[in-house]
PDB file of N, CA and C in Angstrom:
ATOM      1  N   UNK A   1      13.592 -28.639   6.380  1.00  0.00           N
ATOM      2  CA  UNK A   1      13.343 -27.259   6.495  1.00  0.00           C
ATOM      3  C   UNK A   1      13.691 -26.563   5.134  1.00  0.00           C
ATOM      4  N   UNK A   2      12.940 -25.514   4.776  1.00  0.00           N
ATOM      5  CA  UNK A   2      13.202 -24.870   3.509  1.00  0.00           C
ATOM      6  C   UNK A   2      14.325 -23.878   3.719  1.00  0.00           C
ATOM      7  N   UNK A   3      15.160 -23.647   2.702  1.00  0.00           N
ATOM      8  CA  UNK A   3      16.174 -22.611   2.779  1.00  0.00           C
ATOM      9  C   UNK A   3      15.615 -21.264   3.023  1.00  0.00           C
ATOM     10  N   UNK A   4      16.244 -20.403   3.763  1.00  0.00           N
ATOM     11  CA  UNK A   4      15.742 -19.095   4.111  1.00  0.00           C
ATOM     12  C   UNK A   4      15.557 -18.165   2.899  1.00  0.00           C
ATOM     13  N   UNK A   5      16.321 -18.385   1.861  1.00  0.00           N
ATOM     14  CA  UNK A   5      16.146 -17.521   0.640  1.00  0.00           C
ATOM     15  C   UNK A   5      14.870 -17.704  -0.029  1.00  0.00           C
ATOM     16  N   UNK A   6      14.095 -18.814   0.203  1.00  0.00           N
ATOM     17  CA  UNK A   6      12.828 -19.047  -0.461  1.00  0.00           C
ATOM     18  C   UNK A   6      11.689 -18.467   0.362  1.00  0.00           C
ATOM     19  N   UNK A   7      11.935 -18.122   1.610  1.00  0.00           N
ATOM     20  CA  UNK A   7      10.900 -17.605   2.438  1.00  0.00           C
ATOM     21  C   UNK A   7      10.561 -16.178   2.011  1.00  0.00           C
ATOM     22  N   UNK A   8       9.249 -15.867   1.924  1.00  0.00           N
ATOM     23  CA  UNK A   8       8.927 -14.434   1.547  1.00  0.00           C
ATOM     24  C   UNK A   8       9.334 -13.450   2.655  1.00  0.00           C
ATOM     25  N   UNK A   9       9.847 -12.237   2.221  1.00  0.00           N
ATOM     26  CA  UNK A   9      10.209 -11.281   3.070  1.00  0.00           C
ATOM     27  C   UNK A   9       8.984 -10.572   3.678  1.00  0.00           C
ATOM     28  N   UNK A  10       9.124  -9.926   4.811  1.00  0.00           N
ATOM     29  CA  UNK A  10       8.034  -9.173   5.355  1.00  0.00           C
ATOM     30  C   UNK A  10       7.910  -7.892   4.568  1.00  0.00           C
ATOM     31  N   UNK A  11       6.653  -7.354   4.574  1.00  0.00           N
ATOM     32  CA  UNK A  11       6.488  -6.088   3.868  1.00  0.00           C
ATOM     33  C   UNK A  11       7.074  -4.953   4.628  1.00  0.00           C
ATOM     34  N   UNK A  12       7.618  -4.015   3.905  1.00  0.00           N
ATOM     35  CA  UNK A  12       8.091  -2.749   4.457  1.00  0.00           C
ATOM     36  C   UNK A  12       7.017  -1.935   4.917  1.00  0.00           C
ATOM     37  N   UNK A  13       7.175  -1.081   5.951  1.00  0.00           N
ATOM     38  CA  UNK A  13       6.150  -0.169   6.406  1.00  0.00           C
ATOM     39  C   UNK A  13       5.697   0.763   5.340  1.00  0.00           C
ATOM     40  N   UNK A  14       6.579   1.272   4.505  1.00  0.00           N
ATOM     41  CA  UNK A  14       6.215   2.229   3.414  1.00  0.00           C
ATOM     42  C   UNK A  14       5.365   1.525   2.349  1.00  0.00           C
ATOM     43  N   UNK A  15       5.666   0.280   2.105  1.00  0.00           N
ATOM     44  CA  UNK A  15       4.894  -0.522   1.183  1.00  0.00           C
ATOM     45  C   UNK A  15       3.442  -0.721   1.716  1.00  0.00           C
ATOM     46  N   UNK A  16       3.404  -1.028   3.013  1.00  0.00           N
ATOM     47  CA  UNK A  16       2.014  -1.210   3.577  1.00  0.00           C
ATOM     48  C   UNK A  16       1.262   0.107   3.544  1.00  0.00           C
ATOM     49  N   UNK A  17       1.940   1.216   3.786  1.00  0.00           N
ATOM     50  CA  UNK A  17       1.238   2.519   3.713  1.00  0.00           C
ATOM     51  C   UNK A  17       0.714   2.798   2.315  1.00  0.00           C
ATOM     52  N   UNK A  18       1.552   2.440   1.341  1.00  0.00           N
ATOM     53  CA  UNK A  18       1.109   2.680  -0.089  1.00  0.00           C
ATOM     54  C   UNK A  18      -0.045   1.700  -0.392  1.00  0.00           C
ATOM     55  N   UNK A  19      -0.018   0.464   0.097  1.00  0.00           N
ATOM     56  CA  UNK A  19      -1.112  -0.413  -0.188  1.00  0.00           C
ATOM     57  C   UNK A  19      -2.441   0.094   0.442  1.00  0.00           C
ATOM     58  N   UNK A  20      -2.378   0.596   1.673  1.00  0.00           N
ATOM     59  CA  UNK A  20      -3.544   1.190   2.312  1.00  0.00           C
ATOM     60  C   UNK A  20      -4.081   2.279   1.517  1.00  0.00           C
ATOM     61  N   UNK A  21      -3.229   3.190   1.065  1.00  0.00           N
ATOM     62  CA  UNK A  21      -3.679   4.336   0.318  1.00  0.00           C
ATOM     63  C   UNK A  21      -4.343   3.869  -0.981  1.00  0.00           C
ATOM     64  N   UNK A  22      -3.802   2.861  -1.655  1.00  0.00           N
ATOM     65  CA  UNK A  22      -4.396   2.334  -2.855  1.00  0.00           C
ATOM     66  C   UNK A  22      -5.771   1.733  -2.652  1.00  0.00           C
ATOM     67  N   UNK A  23      -5.879   1.041  -1.492  1.00  0.00           N
ATOM     68  CA  UNK A  23      -7.157   0.450  -1.168  1.00  0.00           C
ATOM     69  C   UNK A  23      -8.174   1.523  -0.887  1.00  0.00           C
ATOM     70  N   UNK A  24      -7.730   2.650  -0.310  1.00  0.00           N
ATOM     71  CA  UNK A  24      -8.668   3.702   0.042  1.00  0.00           C
ATOM     72  C   UNK A  24      -8.784   4.791  -1.050  1.00  0.00           C
ATOM     73  N   UNK A  25      -8.328   4.500  -2.245  1.00  0.00           N
ATOM     74  CA  UNK A  25      -8.319   5.539  -3.283  1.00  0.00           C
ATOM     75  C   UNK A  25      -9.709   6.238  -3.463  1.00  0.00           C
ATOM     76  N   UNK A  26     -10.741   5.419  -3.477  1.00  0.00           N
ATOM     77  CA  UNK A  26     -12.055   5.997  -3.706  1.00  0.00           C
ATOM     78  C   UNK A  26     -12.947   6.052  -2.452  1.00  0.00           C
ATOM     79  N   UNK A  27     -12.346   5.779  -1.327  1.00  0.00           N
ATOM     80  CA  UNK A  27     -13.084   5.791  -0.036  1.00  0.00           C
ATOM     81  C   UNK A  27     -13.578   4.423   0.311  1.00  0.00           C
ATOM     82  N   UNK A  28     -13.283   3.968   1.502  1.00  0.00           N
ATOM     83  CA  UNK A  28     -13.680   2.635   1.922  1.00  0.00           C
ATOM     84  C   UNK A  28     -13.705   2.557   3.435  1.00  0.00           C
ATOM     85  N   UNK A  29     -14.266   1.515   4.010  1.00  0.00           N
ATOM     86  CA  UNK A  29     -14.399   1.302   5.444  1.00  0.00           C
ATOM     87  C   UNK A  29     -13.063   0.773   6.005  1.00  0.00           C
ATOM     88  N   UNK A  30     -13.003   0.955   7.354  1.00  0.00           N
ATOM     89  CA  UNK A  30     -11.803   0.465   8.077  1.00  0.00           C
ATOM     90  C   UNK A  30     -11.651  -1.054   7.973  1.00  0.00           C
ATOM     91  N   UNK A  31     -12.831  -1.768   8.035  1.00  0.00           N
ATOM     92  CA  UNK A  31     -12.882  -3.211   7.879  1.00  0.00           C
ATOM     93  C   UNK A  31     -12.378  -3.689   6.515  1.00  0.00           C
ATOM     94  N   UNK A  32     -12.763  -3.008   5.517  1.00  0.00           N
ATOM     95  CA  UNK A  32     -12.360  -3.399   4.200  1.00  0.00           C
ATOM     96  C   UNK A  32     -10.807  -3.175   4.044  1.00  0.00           C
ATOM     97  N   UNK A  33     -10.311  -2.051   4.524  1.00  0.00           N
ATOM     98  CA  UNK A  33      -8.820  -1.874   4.490  1.00  0.00           C
ATOM     99  C   UNK A  33      -8.136  -2.996   5.229  1.00  0.00           C
ATOM    100  N   UNK A  34      -8.661  -3.271   6.469  1.00  0.00           N
ATOM    101  CA  UNK A  34      -7.997  -4.314   7.296  1.00  0.00           C
ATOM    102  C   UNK A  34      -7.874  -5.677   6.511  1.00  0.00           C
ATOM    103  N   UNK A  35      -8.936  -6.090   5.915  1.00  0.00           N
ATOM    104  CA  UNK A  35      -8.944  -7.366   5.198  1.00  0.00           C
ATOM    105  C   UNK A  35      -8.081  -7.332   3.949  1.00  0.00           C
ATOM    106  N   UNK A  36      -8.239  -6.303   3.154  1.00  0.00           N
ATOM    107  CA  UNK A  36      -7.485  -6.122   1.902  1.00  0.00           C
ATOM    108  C   UNK A  36      -5.944  -6.055   2.122  1.00  0.00           C
ATOM    109  N   UNK A  37      -5.583  -5.351   3.183  1.00  0.00           N
ATOM    110  CA  UNK A  37      -4.197  -5.120   3.472  1.00  0.00           C
ATOM    111  C   UNK A  37      -3.564  -6.267   4.351  1.00  0.00           C
ATOM    112  N   UNK A  38      -4.472  -7.201   4.809  1.00  0.00           N
ATOM    113  CA  UNK A  38      -4.042  -8.305   5.588  1.00  0.00           C
ATOM    114  C   UNK A  38      -3.302  -7.820   6.859  1.00  0.00           C
ATOM    115  N   UNK A  39      -3.989  -6.960   7.685  1.00  0.00           N
ATOM    116  CA  UNK A  39      -3.453  -6.420   8.911  1.00  0.00           C
ATOM    117  C   UNK A  39      -4.369  -6.712  10.057  1.00  0.00           C
ATOM    118  N   UNK A  40      -3.777  -6.767  11.264  1.00  0.00           N
ATOM    119  CA  UNK A  40      -4.553  -6.965  12.443  1.00  0.00           C
ATOM    120  C   UNK A  40      -5.231  -5.595  12.767  1.00  0.00           C
ATOM    121  N   UNK A  41      -6.212  -5.607  13.705  1.00  0.00           N
ATOM    122  CA  UNK A  41      -6.941  -4.403  13.954  1.00  0.00           C
ATOM    123  C   UNK A  41      -6.037  -3.408  14.619  1.00  0.00           C
ATOM    124  N   UNK A  42      -5.100  -3.796  15.471  1.00  0.00           N
ATOM    125  CA  UNK A  42      -4.169  -2.948  16.173  1.00  0.00           C
ATOM    126  C   UNK A  42      -3.154  -2.337  15.217  1.00  0.00           C
ATOM    127  N   UNK A  43      -2.674  -3.135  14.242  1.00  0.00           N
ATOM    128  CA  UNK A  43      -1.773  -2.673  13.220  1.00  0.00           C
ATOM    129  C   UNK A  43      -2.431  -1.642  12.358  1.00  0.00           C
ATOM    130  N   UNK A  44      -3.649  -1.955  11.994  1.00  0.00           N
ATOM    131  CA  UNK A  44      -4.436  -1.056  11.137  1.00  0.00           C
ATOM    132  C   UNK A  44      -4.605   0.329  11.791  1.00  0.00           C
ATOM    133  N   UNK A  45      -4.975   0.294  13.050  1.00  0.00           N
ATOM    134  CA  UNK A  45      -5.205   1.598  13.745  1.00  0.00           C
ATOM    135  C   UNK A  45      -3.944   2.436  13.762  1.00  0.00           C
ATOM    136  N   UNK A  46      -2.799   1.802  13.941  1.00  0.00           N
ATOM    137  CA  UNK A  46      -1.550   2.572  13.935  1.00  0.00           C
ATOM    138  C   UNK A  46      -1.235   3.178  12.632  1.00  0.00           C
ATOM    139  N   UNK A  47      -1.490   2.419  11.533  1.00  0.00           N
ATOM    140  CA  UNK A  47      -1.248   2.904  10.166  1.00  0.00           C
ATOM    141  C   UNK A  47      -2.212   3.978   9.835  1.00  0.00           C
ATOM    142  N   UNK A  48      -3.478   3.787  10.078  1.00  0.00           N
ATOM    143  CA  UNK A  48      -4.514   4.866   9.837  1.00  0.00           C
ATOM    144  C   UNK A  48      -4.257   6.154  10.546  1.00  0.00           C
ATOM    145  N   UNK A  49      -3.778   6.040  11.820  1.00  0.00           N
ATOM    146  CA  UNK A  49      -3.521   7.210  12.547  1.00  0.00           C
ATOM    147  C   UNK A  49      -2.337   7.985  11.929  1.00  0.00           C
ATOM    148  N   UNK A  50      -1.299   7.214  11.561  1.00  0.00           N
ATOM    149  CA  UNK A  50      -0.140   7.855  10.915  1.00  0.00           C
ATOM    150  C   UNK A  50      -0.515   8.478   9.604  1.00  0.00           C
ATOM    151  N   UNK A  51      -1.174   7.747   8.813  1.00  0.00           N
ATOM    152  CA  UNK A  51      -1.602   8.245   7.490  1.00  0.00           C
ATOM    153  C   UNK A  51      -2.503   9.421   7.540  1.00  0.00           C
ATOM    154  N   UNK A  52      -3.368   9.495   8.472  1.00  0.00           N
ATOM    155  CA  UNK A  52      -4.163  10.621   8.688  1.00  0.00           C
ATOM    156  C   UNK A  52      -3.340  11.845   9.195  1.00  0.00           C
ATOM    157  N   UNK A  53      -2.455  11.632  10.120  1.00  0.00           N
ATOM    158  CA  UNK A  53      -1.626  12.641  10.676  1.00  0.00           C
ATOM    159  C   UNK A  53      -0.703  13.226   9.603  1.00  0.00           C
ATOM    160  N   UNK A  54      -0.186  12.469   8.675  1.00  0.00           N
ATOM    161  CA  UNK A  54       0.599  12.970   7.520  1.00  0.00           C
ATOM    162  C   UNK A  54      -0.286  13.522   6.405  1.00  0.00           C
ATOM    163  N   UNK A  55      -1.531  13.523   6.561  1.00  0.00           N
ATOM    164  CA  UNK A  55      -2.535  13.927   5.564  1.00  0.00           C
ATOM    165  C   UNK A  55      -2.496  13.155   4.241  1.00  0.00           C
ATOM    166  N   UNK A  56      -2.171  11.847   4.366  1.00  0.00           N
ATOM    167  CA  UNK A  56      -2.137  11.013   3.190  1.00  0.00           C
ATOM    168  C   UNK A  56      -3.513  10.317   3.047  1.00  0.00           C
ATOM    169  N   UNK A  57      -4.264  10.273   4.151  1.00  0.00           N
ATOM    170  CA  UNK A  57      -5.673   9.809   4.132  1.00  0.00           C
ATOM    171  C   UNK A  57      -6.497  10.816   4.876  1.00  0.00           C
ATOM    172  N   UNK A  58      -7.755  10.862   4.560  1.00  0.00           N
ATOM    173  CA  UNK A  58      -8.663  11.639   5.313  1.00  0.00           C
ATOM    174  C   UNK A  58      -9.845  10.743   5.818  1.00  0.00           C
ATOM    175  N   UNK A  59     -10.262  11.012   7.023  1.00  0.00           N
ATOM    176  CA  UNK A  59     -11.350  10.231   7.701  1.00  0.00           C
ATOM    177  C   UNK A  59     -12.562  11.003   7.551  1.00  0.00           C
ATOM    178  N   UNK A  60     -13.715  10.427   7.197  1.00  0.00           N
ATOM    179  CA  UNK A  60     -15.004  11.024   7.173  1.00  0.00           C
ATOM    180  C   UNK A  60     -16.056  10.036   7.594  1.00  0.00           C
ATOM    181  N   UNK A  61     -17.206  10.654   7.918  1.00  0.00           N
ATOM    182  CA  UNK A  61     -18.358   9.856   8.392  1.00  0.00           C
ATOM    183  C   UNK A  61     -19.463   9.849   7.328  1.00  0.00           C
ATOM    184  N   UNK A  62     -20.146   8.769   7.213  1.00  0.00           N
ATOM    185  CA  UNK A  62     -21.245   8.693   6.246  1.00  0.00           C
ATOM    186  C   UNK A  62     -22.214   7.678   6.834  1.00  0.00           C
ATOM    187  N   UNK A  63     -23.505   8.109   7.018  1.00  0.00           N
ATOM    188  CA  UNK A  63     -24.507   7.316   7.713  1.00  0.00           C
ATOM    189  C   UNK A  63     -24.038   6.690   8.988  1.00  0.00           C
ATOM    190  N   UNK A  64     -23.331   7.499   9.740  1.00  0.00           N
ATOM    191  CA  UNK A  64     -22.859   7.003  11.110  1.00  0.00           C
ATOM    192  C   UNK A  64     -21.705   6.064  11.081  1.00  0.00           C
ATOM    193  N   UNK A  65     -21.091   5.848   9.961  1.00  0.00           N
ATOM    194  CA  UNK A  65     -19.890   4.912   9.849  1.00  0.00           C
ATOM    195  C   UNK A  65     -18.701   5.692   9.486  1.00  0.00           C
ATOM    196  N   UNK A  66     -17.582   5.275   9.873  1.00  0.00           N
ATOM    197  CA  UNK A  66     -16.217   5.853   9.500  1.00  0.00           C
ATOM    198  C   UNK A  66     -15.702   5.291   8.186  1.00  0.00           C
ATOM    199  N   UNK A  67     -15.265   6.195   7.359  1.00  0.00           N
ATOM    200  CA  UNK A  67     -14.667   5.850   6.110  1.00  0.00           C
ATOM    201  C   UNK A  67     -13.292   6.560   5.951  1.00  0.00           C
ATOM    202  N   UNK A  68     -12.413   6.027   5.117  1.00  0.00           N
ATOM    203  CA  UNK A  68     -11.157   6.630   4.868  1.00  0.00           C
ATOM    204  C   UNK A  68     -10.972   6.763   3.317  1.00  0.00           C
ATOM    205  N   UNK A  69     -10.409   7.897   2.926  1.00  0.00           N
ATOM    206  CA  UNK A  69     -10.215   8.212   1.491  1.00  0.00           C
ATOM    207  C   UNK A  69      -8.815   8.764   1.366  1.00  0.00           C
ATOM    208  N   UNK A  70      -8.162   8.340   0.252  1.00  0.00           N
ATOM    209  CA  UNK A  70      -6.767   8.885   0.022  1.00  0.00           C
ATOM    210  C   UNK A  70      -6.897  10.363  -0.424  1.00  0.00           C
ATOM    211  N   UNK A  71      -5.993  11.180   0.023  1.00  0.00           N
ATOM    212  CA  UNK A  71      -5.849  12.562  -0.389  1.00  0.00           C
ATOM    213  C   UNK A  71      -5.010  12.656  -1.660  1.00  0.00           C
ATOM    214  N   UNK A  72      -4.977  13.861  -2.219  1.00  0.00           N
ATOM    215  CA  UNK A  72      -4.116  14.036  -3.357  1.00  0.00           C
ATOM    216  C   UNK A  72      -2.631  13.799  -3.000  1.00  0.00           C
ATOM    217  N   UNK A  73      -2.238  14.188  -1.851  1.00  0.00           N
ATOM    218  CA  UNK A  73      -0.899  13.925  -1.292  1.00  0.00           C
ATOM    219  C   UNK A  73      -0.647  12.462  -1.155  1.00  0.00           C
ATOM    220  N   UNK A  74      -1.665  11.711  -0.715  1.00  0.00           N
ATOM    221  CA  UNK A  74      -1.580  10.315  -0.471  1.00  0.00           C
ATOM    222  C   UNK A  74      -1.393   9.539  -1.822  1.00  0.00           C
ATOM    223  N   UNK A  75      -2.194   9.964  -2.853  1.00  0.00           N
ATOM    224  CA  UNK A  75      -2.042   9.393  -4.175  1.00  0.00           C
ATOM    225  C   UNK A  75      -0.632   9.603  -4.719  1.00  0.00           C
ATOM    226  N   UNK A  76      -0.093  10.848  -4.511  1.00  0.00           N
ATOM    227  CA  UNK A  76       1.227  11.168  -5.000  1.00  0.00           C
ATOM    228  C   UNK A  76       2.284  10.218  -4.242  1.00  0.00           C
ATOM    229  N   UNK A  77       2.102  10.094  -2.926  1.00  0.00           N
ATOM    230  CA  UNK A  77       2.965   9.161  -2.188  1.00  0.00           C
ATOM    231  C   UNK A  77       2.925   7.760  -2.696  1.00  0.00           C
ATOM    232  N   UNK A  78       1.713   7.225  -2.983  1.00  0.00           N
ATOM    233  CA  UNK A  78       1.565   5.892  -3.560  1.00  0.00           C
ATOM    234  C   UNK A  78       2.245   5.725  -4.856  1.00  0.00           C
ATOM    235  N   UNK A  79       2.077   6.752  -5.699  1.00  0.00           N
ATOM    236  CA  UNK A  79       2.709   6.655  -7.037  1.00  0.00           C
ATOM    237  C   UNK A  79       4.201   6.692  -7.011  1.00  0.00           C
ATOM    238  N   UNK A  80       4.752   7.497  -6.053  1.00  0.00           N
ATOM    239  CA  UNK A  80       6.261   7.502  -5.847  1.00  0.00           C
ATOM    240  C   UNK A  80       6.769   6.172  -5.315  1.00  0.00           C
ATOM    241  N   UNK A  81       5.990   5.599  -4.414  1.00  0.00           N
ATOM    242  CA  UNK A  81       6.344   4.334  -3.816  1.00  0.00           C
ATOM    243  C   UNK A  81       6.346   3.275  -4.923  1.00  0.00           C
ATOM    244  N   UNK A  82       5.386   3.383  -5.815  1.00  0.00           N
ATOM    245  CA  UNK A  82       5.311   2.454  -6.950  1.00  0.00           C
ATOM    246  C   UNK A  82       6.540   2.553  -7.787  1.00  0.00           C
ATOM    247  N   UNK A  83       6.979   3.758  -8.125  1.00  0.00           N
ATOM    248  CA  UNK A  83       8.152   3.947  -8.898  1.00  0.00           C
ATOM    249  C   UNK A  83       9.406   3.308  -8.236  1.00  0.00           C
ATOM    250  N   UNK A  84       9.524   3.511  -6.904  1.00  0.00           N
ATOM    251  CA  UNK A  84      10.637   2.883  -6.146  1.00  0.00           C
ATOM    252  C   UNK A  84      10.582   1.399  -6.240  1.00  0.00           C
ATOM    253  N   UNK A  85       9.403   0.778  -6.067  1.00  0.00           N
ATOM    254  CA  UNK A  85       9.303  -0.637  -6.122  1.00  0.00           C
ATOM    255  C   UNK A  85       9.639  -1.198  -7.505  1.00  0.00           C
ATOM    256  N   UNK A  86       9.097  -0.488  -8.530  1.00  0.00           N
ATOM    257  CA  UNK A  86       9.445  -0.891  -9.924  1.00  0.00           C
ATOM    258  C   UNK A  86      10.943  -0.780 -10.215  1.00  0.00           C
ATOM    259  N   UNK A  87      11.561   0.286  -9.718  1.00  0.00           N
ATOM    260  CA  UNK A  87      13.022   0.413  -9.875  1.00  0.00           C
ATOM    261  C   UNK A  87      13.804  -0.715  -9.179  1.00  0.00           C
ATOM    262  N   UNK A  88      13.426  -1.054  -7.965  1.00  0.00           N
ATOM    263  CA  UNK A  88      14.037  -2.137  -7.217  1.00  0.00           C
ATOM    264  C   UNK A  88      13.842  -3.488  -7.888  1.00  0.00           C
ATOM    265  N   UNK A  89      12.645  -3.708  -8.496  1.00  0.00           N
ATOM    266  CA  UNK A  89      12.340  -4.993  -9.101  1.00  0.00           C
ATOM    267  C   UNK A  89      12.842  -5.067 -10.517  1.00  0.00           C
ATOM    268  N   UNK A  90      13.228  -3.930 -11.078  1.00  0.00           N
ATOM    269  CA  UNK A  90      13.669  -3.936 -12.465  1.00  0.00           C
ATOM    270  C   UNK A  90      14.879  -4.845 -12.695  1.00  0.00           C
ATOM    271  N   UNK A  91      14.764  -5.790 -13.596  1.00  0.00           N
ATOM    272  CA  UNK A  91      15.853  -6.642 -13.923  1.00  0.00           C
ATOM    273  C   UNK A  91      15.998  -7.874 -13.033  1.00  0.00           C
ATOM    274  N   UNK A  92      15.102  -7.939 -12.026  1.00  0.00           N
ATOM    275  CA  UNK A  92      15.105  -9.123 -11.160  1.00  0.00           C
ATOM    276  C   UNK A  92      14.245 -10.249 -11.831  1.00  0.00           C
ATOM    277  N   UNK A  93      14.624 -11.454 -11.693  1.00  0.00           N
ATOM    278  CA  UNK A  93      13.850 -12.505 -12.227  1.00  0.00           C
ATOM    279  C   UNK A  93      12.926 -13.078 -11.171  1.00  0.00           C
ATOM    280  N   UNK A  94      11.883 -13.864 -11.581  1.00  0.00           N
ATOM    281  CA  UNK A  94      10.914 -14.380 -10.723  1.00  0.00           C
ATOM    282  C   UNK A  94      11.545 -15.240  -9.578  1.00  0.00           C
ATOM    283  N   UNK A  95      12.650 -15.915  -9.870  1.00  0.00           N
ATOM    284  CA  UNK A  95      13.253 -16.743  -8.856  1.00  0.00           C
ATOM    285  C   UNK A  95      14.133 -15.991  -7.874  1.00  0.00           C
ATOM    286  N   UNK A  96      14.439 -14.723  -8.185  1.00  0.00           N
ATOM    287  CA  UNK A  96      15.174 -13.865  -7.268  1.00  0.00           C
ATOM    288  C   UNK A  96      14.266 -13.144  -6.357  1.00  0.00           C
ATOM    289  N   UNK A  97      14.886 -12.478  -5.339  1.00  0.00           N
ATOM    290  CA  UNK A  97      14.039 -11.740  -4.412  1.00  0.00           C
ATOM    291  C   UNK A  97      13.517 -10.498  -5.046  1.00  0.00           C
ATOM    292  N   UNK A  98      12.248 -10.232  -4.870  1.00  0.00           N
ATOM    293  CA  UNK A  98      11.589  -9.011  -5.320  1.00  0.00           C
ATOM    294  C   UNK A  98      10.934  -8.369  -4.129  1.00  0.00           C
ATOM    295  N   UNK A  99      10.634  -7.118  -4.276  1.00  0.00           N
ATOM    296  CA  UNK A  99       9.935  -6.396  -3.192  1.00  0.00           C
ATOM    297  C   UNK A  99       8.524  -6.964  -3.086  1.00  0.00           C
ATOM    298  N   UNK A 100       8.157  -7.469  -1.874  1.00  0.00           N
ATOM    299  CA  UNK A 100       6.892  -8.131  -1.674  1.00  0.00           C
ATOM    300  C   UNK A 100       5.806  -7.076  -1.506  1.00  0.00           C
ATOM    301  N   UNK A 101       4.726  -7.180  -2.238  1.00  0.00           N
ATOM    302  CA  UNK A 101       3.559  -6.309  -2.087  1.00  0.00           C
ATOM    303  C   UNK A 101       2.274  -7.053  -2.276  1.00  0.00           C
ATOM    304  N   UNK A 102       1.239  -6.647  -1.692  1.00  0.00           N
ATOM    305  CA  UNK A 102      -0.101  -7.226  -1.984  1.00  0.00           C
ATOM    306  C   UNK A 102      -0.855  -6.405  -2.999  1.00  0.00           C
ATOM    307  N   UNK A 103      -0.356  -5.163  -3.181  1.00  0.00           N
ATOM    308  CA  UNK A 103      -1.077  -4.264  -4.021  1.00  0.00           C
ATOM    309  C   UNK A 103      -0.544  -4.349  -5.417  1.00  0.00           C
ATOM    310  N   UNK A 104      -1.447  -4.215  -6.427  1.00  0.00           N
ATOM    311  CA  UNK A 104      -1.071  -4.300  -7.814  1.00  0.00           C
ATOM    312  C   UNK A 104      -0.932  -2.868  -8.331  1.00  0.00           C
ATOM    313  N   UNK A 105       0.310  -2.467  -8.641  1.00  0.00           N
ATOM    314  CA  UNK A 105       0.595  -1.140  -9.022  1.00  0.00           C
ATOM    315  C   UNK A 105       0.393  -0.910 -10.562  1.00  0.00           C
ATOM    316  N   UNK A 106      -0.055  -1.922 -11.231  1.00  0.00           N
ATOM    317  CA  UNK A 106      -0.189  -1.788 -12.718  1.00  0.00           C
ATOM    318  C   UNK A 106      -1.328  -0.916 -13.175  1.00  0.00           C
ATOM    319  N   UNK A 107      -2.292  -0.587 -12.249  1.00  0.00           N
ATOM    320  CA  UNK A 107      -3.448   0.174 -12.631  1.00  0.00           C
ATOM    321  C   UNK A 107      -3.180   1.683 -12.537  1.00  0.00           C
ATOM    322  N   UNK A 108      -1.980   2.089 -12.193  1.00  0.00           N
ATOM    323  CA  UNK A 108      -1.563   3.515 -12.105  1.00  0.00           C
ATOM    324  C   UNK A 108      -1.289   3.997 -13.521  1.00  0.00           C
ATOM    325  N   UNK A 109      -1.419   5.288 -13.757  1.00  0.00           N
ATOM    326  CA  UNK A 109      -1.154   5.837 -15.137  1.00  0.00           C
ATOM    327  C   UNK A 109       0.293   5.487 -15.551  1.00  0.00           C
ATOM    328  N   UNK A 110       0.370   5.025 -16.845  1.00  0.00           N
ATOM    329  CA  UNK A 110       1.621   4.610 -17.376  1.00  0.00           C
ATOM    330  C   UNK A 110       2.779   5.640 -17.277  1.00  0.00           C
ATOM    331  N   UNK A 111       2.382   6.940 -17.476  1.00  0.00           N
ATOM    332  CA  UNK A 111       3.369   7.982 -17.459  1.00  0.00           C
ATOM    333  C   UNK A 111       4.096   8.158 -16.138  1.00  0.00           C
ATOM    334  N   UNK A 112       3.491   7.558 -15.091  1.00  0.00           N
ATOM    335  CA  UNK A 112       4.013   7.738 -13.684  1.00  0.00           C
ATOM    336  C   UNK A 112       4.909   6.559 -13.327  1.00  0.00           C
ATOM    337  N   UNK A 113       4.893   5.512 -14.148  1.00  0.00           N
ATOM    338  CA  UNK A 113       5.624   4.225 -13.859  1.00  0.00           C
ATOM    339  C   UNK A 113       6.980   4.166 -14.443  1.00  0.00           C
ATOM    340  N   UNK A 114       7.865   3.490 -13.843  1.00  0.00           N
ATOM    341  CA  UNK A 114       9.153   3.163 -14.434  1.00  0.00           C
ATOM    342  C   UNK A 114       9.185   1.753 -14.956  1.00  0.00           C
ATOM    343  N   UNK A 115       8.228   1.402 -15.754  1.00  0.00           N
ATOM    344  CA  UNK A 115       8.084   0.061 -16.314  1.00  0.00           C
ATOM    345  C   UNK A 115       8.658   0.078 -17.708  1.00  0.00           C
ATOM    346  N   UNK A 116       9.423  -0.965 -18.104  1.00  0.00           N
ATOM    347  CA  UNK A 116       9.936  -1.065 -19.416  1.00  0.00           C
ATOM    348  C   UNK A 116       9.356  -2.210 -20.130  1.00  0.00           C
TER     349      UNK A 116
END
């Protein structure tokens, strides 16, 4: 059996929320979000409901299909979450524990990041 320190940690709810917002930056379908964020259908529905309630995502219809798009407030949330993750990971080495994310935060504007 592998030591527990080598097992990846579960993603934090706030990290998952930021990942969903990042996936929906330009508008996308529920199915695309589900697969990209690696969530079950029931998990996805809970997150989408909360994100829309907090006005971090907006839901809209196009050609009879549901789509979700990040709001300005949602993008701001994602950028702040990115700063927190970078701060926590700052100075940690690859072999040490890092905040686990599926989303790549490196495509955000450099002025908003705490990267050295």
